[in-house]
Amino acid sequence: SLAAVGRGARQIECTINGLGERAGNAA
């Protein structure tokens, strides 16, 4: 996610505590 922001992304989709399916999402 952070690498993508460095190249121009300007929205990050994430969850509290990295909760999410399987191993989770970006925290």
PDB file of all heavy atoms in Angstrom:
ATOM      1  N   SER A   1       0.828  -1.206   0.000  1.00  0.00           N
ATOM      2  CA  SER A   1       0.000   0.000   0.000  1.00  0.00           C
ATOM      3  C   SER A   1       0.864   1.257   0.000  1.00  0.00           C
ATOM      4  O   SER A   1       0.615   2.205  -0.757  1.00  0.00           O
ATOM      5  CB  SER A   1      -0.928   0.004   1.222  1.00  0.00           C
ATOM      6  OG  SER A   1      -1.787  -1.108   1.215  1.00  0.00           O
ATOM      7  N   LEU A   2       1.883   1.277   0.851  1.00  0.00           N
ATOM      8  CA  LEU A   2       2.757   2.446   0.931  1.00  0.00           C
ATOM      9  C   LEU A   2       3.592   2.617  -0.340  1.00  0.00           C
ATOM     10  O   LEU A   2       3.821   3.740  -0.804  1.00  0.00           O
ATOM     11  CB  LEU A   2       3.656   2.341   2.159  1.00  0.00           C
ATOM     12  CG  LEU A   2       2.928   2.402   3.512  1.00  0.00           C
ATOM     13  CD1 LEU A   2       3.893   2.140   4.656  1.00  0.00           C
ATOM     14  CD2 LEU A   2       2.240   3.752   3.693  1.00  0.00           C
ATOM     15  N   ALA A   3       4.015   1.500  -0.909  1.00  0.00           N
ATOM     16  CA  ALA A   3       4.772   1.579  -2.166  1.00  0.00           C
ATOM     17  C   ALA A   3       3.898   2.159  -3.274  1.00  0.00           C
ATOM     18  O   ALA A   3       4.365   2.952  -4.102  1.00  0.00           O
ATOM     19  CB  ALA A   3       5.278   0.192  -2.564  1.00  0.00           C
ATOM     20  N   ALA A   4       2.617   1.779  -3.292  1.00  0.00           N
ATOM     21  CA  ALA A   4       1.691   2.285  -4.305  1.00  0.00           C
ATOM     22  C   ALA A   4       1.455   3.780  -4.156  1.00  0.00           C
ATOM     23  O   ALA A   4       1.370   4.515  -5.147  1.00  0.00           O
ATOM     24  CB  ALA A   4       0.362   1.525  -4.218  1.00  0.00           C
ATOM     25  N   VAL A   5       1.352   4.247  -2.916  1.00  0.00           N
ATOM     26  CA  VAL A   5       1.182   5.683  -2.676  1.00  0.00           C
ATOM     27  C   VAL A   5       2.399   6.450  -3.188  1.00  0.00           C
ATOM     28  O   VAL A   5       2.276   7.537  -3.754  1.00  0.00           O
ATOM     29  CB  VAL A   5       0.951   5.954  -1.170  1.00  0.00           C
ATOM     30  CG1 VAL A   5       1.070   7.441  -0.853  1.00  0.00           C
ATOM     31  CG2 VAL A   5      -0.430   5.447  -0.761  1.00  0.00           C
ATOM     32  N   GLY A   6       3.562   5.854  -3.019  1.00  0.00           N
ATOM     33  CA  GLY A   6       4.775   6.491  -3.516  1.00  0.00           C
ATOM     34  C   GLY A   6       4.795   6.666  -5.018  1.00  0.00           C
ATOM     35  O   GLY A   6       5.515   7.535  -5.543  1.00  0.00           O
ATOM     36  N   ARG A   7       3.981   5.888  -5.738  1.00  0.00           N
ATOM     37  CA  ARG A   7       3.944   5.978  -7.207  1.00  0.00           C
ATOM     38  C   ARG A   7       2.653   6.611  -7.735  1.00  0.00           C
ATOM     39  O   ARG A   7       2.401   6.563  -8.930  1.00  0.00           O
ATOM     40  CB  ARG A   7       4.132   4.578  -7.812  1.00  0.00           C
ATOM     41  CG  ARG A   7       5.456   3.922  -7.443  1.00  0.00           C
ATOM     42  CD  ARG A   7       6.668   4.690  -7.945  1.00  0.00           C
ATOM     43  NE  ARG A   7       6.778   4.629  -9.391  1.00  0.00           N
ATOM     44  CZ  ARG A   7       7.413   3.661 -10.061  1.00  0.00           C
ATOM     45  NH1 ARG A   7       7.964   2.662  -9.395  1.00  0.00           N
ATOM     46  NH2 ARG A   7       7.487   3.695 -11.371  1.00  0.00           N
ATOM     47  N   GLY A   8       1.855   7.192  -6.824  1.00  0.00           N
ATOM     48  CA  GLY A   8       0.724   7.973  -7.306  1.00  0.00           C
ATOM     49  C   GLY A   8      -0.657   7.616  -6.798  1.00  0.00           C
ATOM     50  O   GLY A   8      -1.616   8.353  -7.036  1.00  0.00           O
ATOM     51  N   ALA A   9      -0.814   6.468  -6.120  1.00  0.00           N
ATOM     52  CA  ALA A   9      -2.126   6.147  -5.541  1.00  0.00           C
ATOM     53  C   ALA A   9      -2.422   7.159  -4.438  1.00  0.00           C
ATOM     54  O   ALA A   9      -1.522   7.574  -3.715  1.00  0.00           O
ATOM     55  CB  ALA A   9      -2.138   4.730  -4.981  1.00  0.00           C
ATOM     56  N   ARG A  10      -3.709   7.516  -4.283  1.00  0.00           N
ATOM     57  CA  ARG A  10      -4.050   8.503  -3.263  1.00  0.00           C
ATOM     58  C   ARG A  10      -5.213   8.069  -2.377  1.00  0.00           C
ATOM     59  O   ARG A  10      -5.765   8.868  -1.637  1.00  0.00           O
ATOM     60  CB  ARG A  10      -4.340   9.854  -3.920  1.00  0.00           C
ATOM     61  CG  ARG A  10      -3.084  10.585  -4.398  1.00  0.00           C
ATOM     62  CD  ARG A  10      -2.150  10.907  -3.238  1.00  0.00           C
ATOM     63  NE  ARG A  10      -0.919  11.563  -3.663  1.00  0.00           N
ATOM     64  CZ  ARG A  10       0.213  10.937  -3.966  1.00  0.00           C
ATOM     65  NH1 ARG A  10       0.260   9.597  -3.879  1.00  0.00           N
ATOM     66  NH2 ARG A  10       1.282  11.617  -4.324  1.00  0.00           N
ATOM     67  N   GLN A  11      -5.608   6.817  -2.444  1.00  0.00           N
ATOM     68  CA  GLN A  11      -6.542   6.258  -1.482  1.00  0.00           C
ATOM     69  C   GLN A  11      -6.028   4.889  -1.073  1.00  0.00           C
ATOM     70  O   GLN A  11      -5.630   4.087  -1.927  1.00  0.00           O
ATOM     71  CB  GLN A  11      -7.956   6.126  -2.054  1.00  0.00           C
ATOM     72  CG  GLN A  11      -8.937   5.437  -1.091  1.00  0.00           C
ATOM     73  CD  GLN A  11     -10.357   5.364  -1.617  1.00  0.00           C
ATOM     74  OE1 GLN A  11     -11.056   6.373  -1.656  1.00  0.00           O
ATOM     75  NE2 GLN A  11     -10.791   4.184  -2.046  1.00  0.00           N
ATOM     76  N   ILE A  12      -6.043   4.620   0.235  1.00  0.00           N
ATOM     77  CA  ILE A  12      -5.648   3.307   0.753  1.00  0.00           C
ATOM     78  C   ILE A  12      -6.844   2.689   1.454  1.00  0.00           C
ATOM     79  O   ILE A  12      -7.455   3.312   2.328  1.00  0.00           O
ATOM     80  CB  ILE A  12      -4.465   3.407   1.731  1.00  0.00           C
ATOM     81  CG1 ILE A  12      -3.219   3.946   1.016  1.00  0.00           C
ATOM     82  CG2 ILE A  12      -4.166   2.037   2.336  1.00  0.00           C
ATOM     83  CD1 ILE A  12      -2.010   4.107   1.941  1.00  0.00           C
ATOM     84  N   GLU A  13      -7.183   1.458   1.081  1.00  0.00           N
ATOM     85  CA  GLU A  13      -8.269   0.726   1.717  1.00  0.00           C
ATOM     86  C   GLU A  13      -7.658  -0.200   2.772  1.00  0.00           C
ATOM     87  O   GLU A  13      -6.717  -0.950   2.479  1.00  0.00           O
ATOM     88  CB  GLU A  13      -9.076  -0.041   0.674  1.00  0.00           C
ATOM     89  CG  GLU A  13      -9.570   0.904  -0.426  1.00  0.00           C
ATOM     90  CD  GLU A  13     -10.652   0.330  -1.315  1.00  0.00           C
ATOM     91  OE1 GLU A  13     -11.058  -0.825  -1.090  1.00  0.00           O
ATOM     92  OE2 GLU A  13     -11.091   1.046  -2.230  1.00  0.00           O
ATOM     93  N   CYS A  14      -8.163  -0.116   3.984  1.00  0.00           N
ATOM     94  CA  CYS A  14      -7.526  -0.799   5.102  1.00  0.00           C
ATOM     95  C   CYS A  14      -8.544  -1.092   6.188  1.00  0.00           C
ATOM     96  O   CYS A  14      -9.715  -0.715   6.075  1.00  0.00           O
ATOM     97  CB  CYS A  14      -6.382   0.067   5.646  1.00  0.00           C
ATOM     98  SG  CYS A  14      -6.845   1.797   5.923  1.00  0.00           S
ATOM     99  N   THR A  15      -8.104  -1.768   7.248  1.00  0.00           N
ATOM    100  CA  THR A  15      -8.991  -2.113   8.363  1.00  0.00           C
ATOM    101  C   THR A  15      -8.276  -1.922   9.691  1.00  0.00           C
ATOM    102  O   THR A  15      -7.047  -1.970   9.771  1.00  0.00           O
ATOM    103  CB  THR A  15      -9.463  -3.591   8.287  1.00  0.00           C
ATOM    104  OG1 THR A  15      -8.315  -4.447   8.359  1.00  0.00           O
ATOM    105  CG2 THR A  15     -10.234  -3.869   7.019  1.00  0.00           C
ATOM    106  N   ILE A  16      -9.067  -1.714  10.746  1.00  0.00           N
ATOM    107  CA  ILE A  16      -8.522  -1.655  12.101  1.00  0.00           C
ATOM    108  C   ILE A  16      -7.968  -3.037  12.462  1.00  0.00           C
ATOM    109  O   ILE A  16      -8.599  -4.068  12.227  1.00  0.00           O
ATOM    110  CB  ILE A  16      -9.614  -1.256  13.111  1.00  0.00           C
ATOM    111  CG1 ILE A  16     -10.173   0.138  12.774  1.00  0.00           C
ATOM    112  CG2 ILE A  16      -9.072  -1.303  14.531  1.00  0.00           C
ATOM    113  CD1 ILE A  16      -9.192   1.270  12.939  1.00  0.00           C
ATOM    114  N   ASN A  17      -6.773  -3.053  13.021  1.00  0.00           N
ATOM    115  CA  ASN A  17      -6.089  -4.293  13.446  1.00  0.00           C
ATOM    116  C   ASN A  17      -5.758  -5.224  12.276  1.00  0.00           C
ATOM    117  O   ASN A  17      -5.392  -6.376  12.491  1.00  0.00           O
ATOM    118  CB  ASN A  17      -6.911  -5.066  14.483  1.00  0.00           C
ATOM    119  CG  ASN A  17      -7.133  -4.279  15.760  1.00  0.00           C
ATOM    120  OD1 ASN A  17      -6.387  -3.351  16.065  1.00  0.00           O
ATOM    121  ND2 ASN A  17      -8.163  -4.639  16.509  1.00  0.00           N
ATOM    122  N   GLY A  18      -5.904  -4.742  11.023  1.00  0.00           N
ATOM    123  CA  GLY A  18      -5.615  -5.598   9.876  1.00  0.00           C
ATOM    124  C   GLY A  18      -6.627  -6.707   9.692  1.00  0.00           C
ATOM    125  O   GLY A  18      -6.360  -7.715   9.029  1.00  0.00           O
ATOM    126  N   LEU A  19      -7.831  -6.530  10.249  1.00  0.00           N
ATOM    127  CA  LEU A  19      -8.884  -7.536  10.154  1.00  0.00           C
ATOM    128  C   LEU A  19      -9.255  -7.786   8.693  1.00  0.00           C
ATOM    129  O   LEU A  19      -9.162  -6.891   7.865  1.00  0.00           O
ATOM    130  CB  LEU A  19     -10.107  -7.027  10.919  1.00  0.00           C
ATOM    131  CG  LEU A  19     -11.120  -8.033  11.458  1.00  0.00           C
ATOM    132  CD1 LEU A  19     -10.469  -8.920  12.509  1.00  0.00           C
ATOM    133  CD2 LEU A  19     -12.306  -7.288  12.069  1.00  0.00           C
ATOM    134  N   GLY A  20      -9.676  -8.995   8.374  1.00  0.00           N
ATOM    135  CA  GLY A  20     -10.110  -9.276   7.007  1.00  0.00           C
ATOM    136  C   GLY A  20     -10.023 -10.751   6.666  1.00  0.00           C
ATOM    137  O   GLY A  20      -9.574 -11.569   7.471  1.00  0.00           O
ATOM    138  N   GLU A  21     -10.457 -11.076   5.449  1.00  0.00           N
ATOM    139  CA  GLU A  21     -10.457 -12.475   5.004  1.00  0.00           C
ATOM    140  C   GLU A  21      -9.047 -13.064   5.013  1.00  0.00           C
ATOM    141  O   GLU A  21      -8.065 -12.365   4.776  1.00  0.00           O
ATOM    142  CB  GLU A  21     -11.043 -12.567   3.592  1.00  0.00           C
ATOM    143  CG  GLU A  21     -12.529 -12.275   3.529  1.00  0.00           C
ATOM    144  CD  GLU A  21     -13.113 -12.634   2.178  1.00  0.00           C
ATOM    145  OE1 GLU A  21     -13.093 -11.788   1.278  1.00  0.00           O
ATOM    146  OE2 GLU A  21     -13.586 -13.769   2.029  1.00  0.00           O
ATOM    147  N   ARG A  22      -8.983 -14.351   5.263  1.00  0.00           N
ATOM    148  CA  ARG A  22      -7.730 -15.107   5.287  1.00  0.00           C
ATOM    149  C   ARG A  22      -6.726 -14.434   6.240  1.00  0.00           C
ATOM    150  O   ARG A  22      -6.973 -14.355   7.427  1.00  0.00           O
ATOM    151  CB  ARG A  22      -7.164 -15.259   3.870  1.00  0.00           C
ATOM    152  CG  ARG A  22      -8.123 -15.940   2.901  1.00  0.00           C
ATOM    153  CD  ARG A  22      -7.469 -16.148   1.528  1.00  0.00           C
ATOM    154  NE  ARG A  22      -6.792 -14.981   1.022  1.00  0.00           N
ATOM    155  CZ  ARG A  22      -7.398 -13.957   0.409  1.00  0.00           C
ATOM    156  NH1 ARG A  22      -8.696 -13.974   0.205  1.00  0.00           N
ATOM    157  NH2 ARG A  22      -6.697 -12.911   0.014  1.00  0.00           N
ATOM    158  N   ALA A  23      -5.613 -13.934   5.727  1.00  0.00           N
ATOM    159  CA  ALA A  23      -4.595 -13.313   6.577  1.00  0.00           C
ATOM    160  C   ALA A  23      -4.877 -11.841   6.850  1.00  0.00           C
ATOM    161  O   ALA A  23      -4.089 -11.167   7.512  1.00  0.00           O
ATOM    162  CB  ALA A  23      -3.216 -13.466   5.922  1.00  0.00           C
ATOM    163  N   GLY A  24      -6.003 -11.337   6.346  1.00  0.00           N
ATOM    164  CA  GLY A  24      -6.398  -9.967   6.663  1.00  0.00           C
ATOM    165  C   GLY A  24      -6.017  -8.950   5.607  1.00  0.00           C
ATOM    166  O   GLY A  24      -5.497  -9.269   4.530  1.00  0.00           O
ATOM    167  N   ASN A  25      -6.307  -7.698   5.916  1.00  0.00           N
ATOM    168  CA  ASN A  25      -6.038  -6.556   5.051  1.00  0.00           C
ATOM    169  C   ASN A  25      -4.875  -5.733   5.585  1.00  0.00           C
ATOM    170  O   ASN A  25      -4.351  -5.996   6.665  1.00  0.00           O
ATOM    171  CB  ASN A  25      -7.278  -5.651   4.986  1.00  0.00           C
ATOM    172  CG  ASN A  25      -8.431  -6.276   4.229  1.00  0.00           C
ATOM    173  OD1 ASN A  25      -8.579  -6.103   3.037  1.00  0.00           O
ATOM    174  ND2 ASN A  25      -9.272  -7.018   4.953  1.00  0.00           N
ATOM    175  N   ALA A  26      -4.530  -4.694   4.862  1.00  0.00           N
ATOM    176  CA  ALA A  26      -3.545  -3.742   5.363  1.00  0.00           C
ATOM    177  C   ALA A  26      -4.094  -3.103   6.629  1.00  0.00           C
ATOM    178  O   ALA A  26      -5.253  -2.698   6.682  1.00  0.00           O
ATOM    179  CB  ALA A  26      -3.269  -2.678   4.299  1.00  0.00           C
ATOM    180  N   ALA A  27      -3.275  -3.008   7.671  1.00  0.00           N
ATOM    181  CA  ALA A  27      -3.703  -2.460   8.958  1.00  0.00           C
ATOM    182  C   ALA A  27      -3.664  -0.940   8.914  1.00  0.00           C
ATOM    183  O   ALA A  27      -2.613  -0.352   8.660  1.00  0.00           O
ATOM    184  CB  ALA A  27      -2.814  -2.980  10.079  1.00  0.00           C
TER     185      ALA A  27
END
